[in-house]
Amino acid sequence: MKDTEFLGSSLKVIKGFPGAAKARIGNEIQRLQRGADPTDFKSMKDLGSGYLKFVSAKTKAGIELFM
């Protein structure tokens, strides 16, 4: 499993999310750690070479999370 590094206050912010949003973003992070694609993403090839994806996770409460 790949390591995850949270920059700035990102981990603190995630911990403050409501339960459903926190679970959803946690599941997406675990997918990335295992080398799988996120369930909802767009490739961002225009930003340069390498592997970069923009992840959008929407919850039933209407919260939209971006990684």
Protein backbone atom coordinates (compact mmCIF):
# COMPACT_ATOMS: atom_id res chain seq x y z
CA MET A 1 0.00 0.00 0.00
CA LYS A 2 1.31 3.46 -0.93
CA ASP A 3 1.94 6.08 1.75
CA THR A 4 -0.29 9.14 1.94
CA GLU A 5 1.03 12.58 2.82
CA PHE A 6 -1.46 15.24 3.88
CA LEU A 7 -0.28 18.78 3.25
CA GLY A 8 -1.10 21.80 5.36
CA SER A 9 -4.35 21.45 7.28
CA SER A 10 -5.90 18.96 4.83
CA LEU A 11 -6.10 16.06 7.32
CA LYS A 12 -7.62 18.32 9.98
CA VAL A 13 -10.18 19.56 7.45
CA ILE A 14 -11.10 16.00 6.40
CA LYS A 15 -11.54 14.97 10.04
CA GLY A 16 -14.06 17.80 10.41
CA PHE A 17 -16.31 16.51 7.58
CA PRO A 18 -19.65 14.87 8.40
CA GLY A 19 -19.50 11.07 8.70
CA ALA A 20 -20.68 10.22 5.17
CA ALA A 21 -18.26 12.65 3.53
CA LYS A 22 -15.38 11.45 5.68
CA ALA A 23 -16.13 7.81 4.79
CA ARG A 24 -16.36 8.60 1.08
CA ILE A 25 -13.07 10.49 0.93
CA GLY A 26 -11.43 7.78 3.06
CA ASN A 27 -12.54 5.11 0.60
CA GLU A 28 -11.17 7.12 -2.32
CA ILE A 29 -7.81 7.61 -0.56
CA GLN A 30 -7.61 3.85 0.10
CA ARG A 31 -8.29 3.11 -3.58
CA LEU A 32 -5.41 5.41 -4.56
CA GLN A 33 -3.11 3.83 -1.97
CA ARG A 34 -3.80 0.40 -3.49
CA GLY A 35 -3.01 1.70 -6.96
CA ALA A 36 -6.63 1.64 -8.18
CA ASP A 37 -8.32 4.51 -9.97
CA PRO A 38 -10.74 6.63 -7.97
CA THR A 39 -14.42 6.02 -8.68
CA ASP A 40 -14.91 9.51 -10.18
CA PHE A 41 -11.97 11.32 -11.73
CA LYS A 42 -10.71 13.30 -14.70
CA SER A 43 -7.15 13.04 -16.02
CA MET A 44 -5.26 16.33 -16.02
CA LYS A 45 -2.71 15.73 -18.77
CA ASP A 46 -2.52 19.45 -19.61
CA LEU A 47 -0.62 20.11 -16.38
CA GLY A 48 2.47 18.25 -17.58
CA SER A 49 3.90 14.78 -17.76
CA GLY A 50 3.30 12.18 -15.10
CA TYR A 51 0.24 10.81 -13.47
CA LEU A 52 -2.13 13.39 -12.02
CA LYS A 53 -5.85 13.01 -11.57
CA PHE A 54 -8.51 15.32 -10.25
CA VAL A 55 -10.89 13.43 -7.95
CA SER A 56 -14.41 14.56 -7.22
CA ALA A 57 -16.44 12.83 -4.53
CA LYS A 58 -20.04 13.90 -4.00
CA THR A 59 -22.04 12.86 -0.95
CA LYS A 60 -25.78 12.53 -0.47
CA ALA A 61 -25.63 15.62 1.75
CA GLY A 62 -24.52 17.65 -1.27
CA ILE A 63 -20.92 18.04 -0.14
CA GLU A 64 -18.43 17.93 -3.00
CA LEU A 65 -14.86 16.98 -2.16
CA PHE A 66 -11.83 17.45 -4.41
CA MET A 67 -8.41 15.83 -4.18
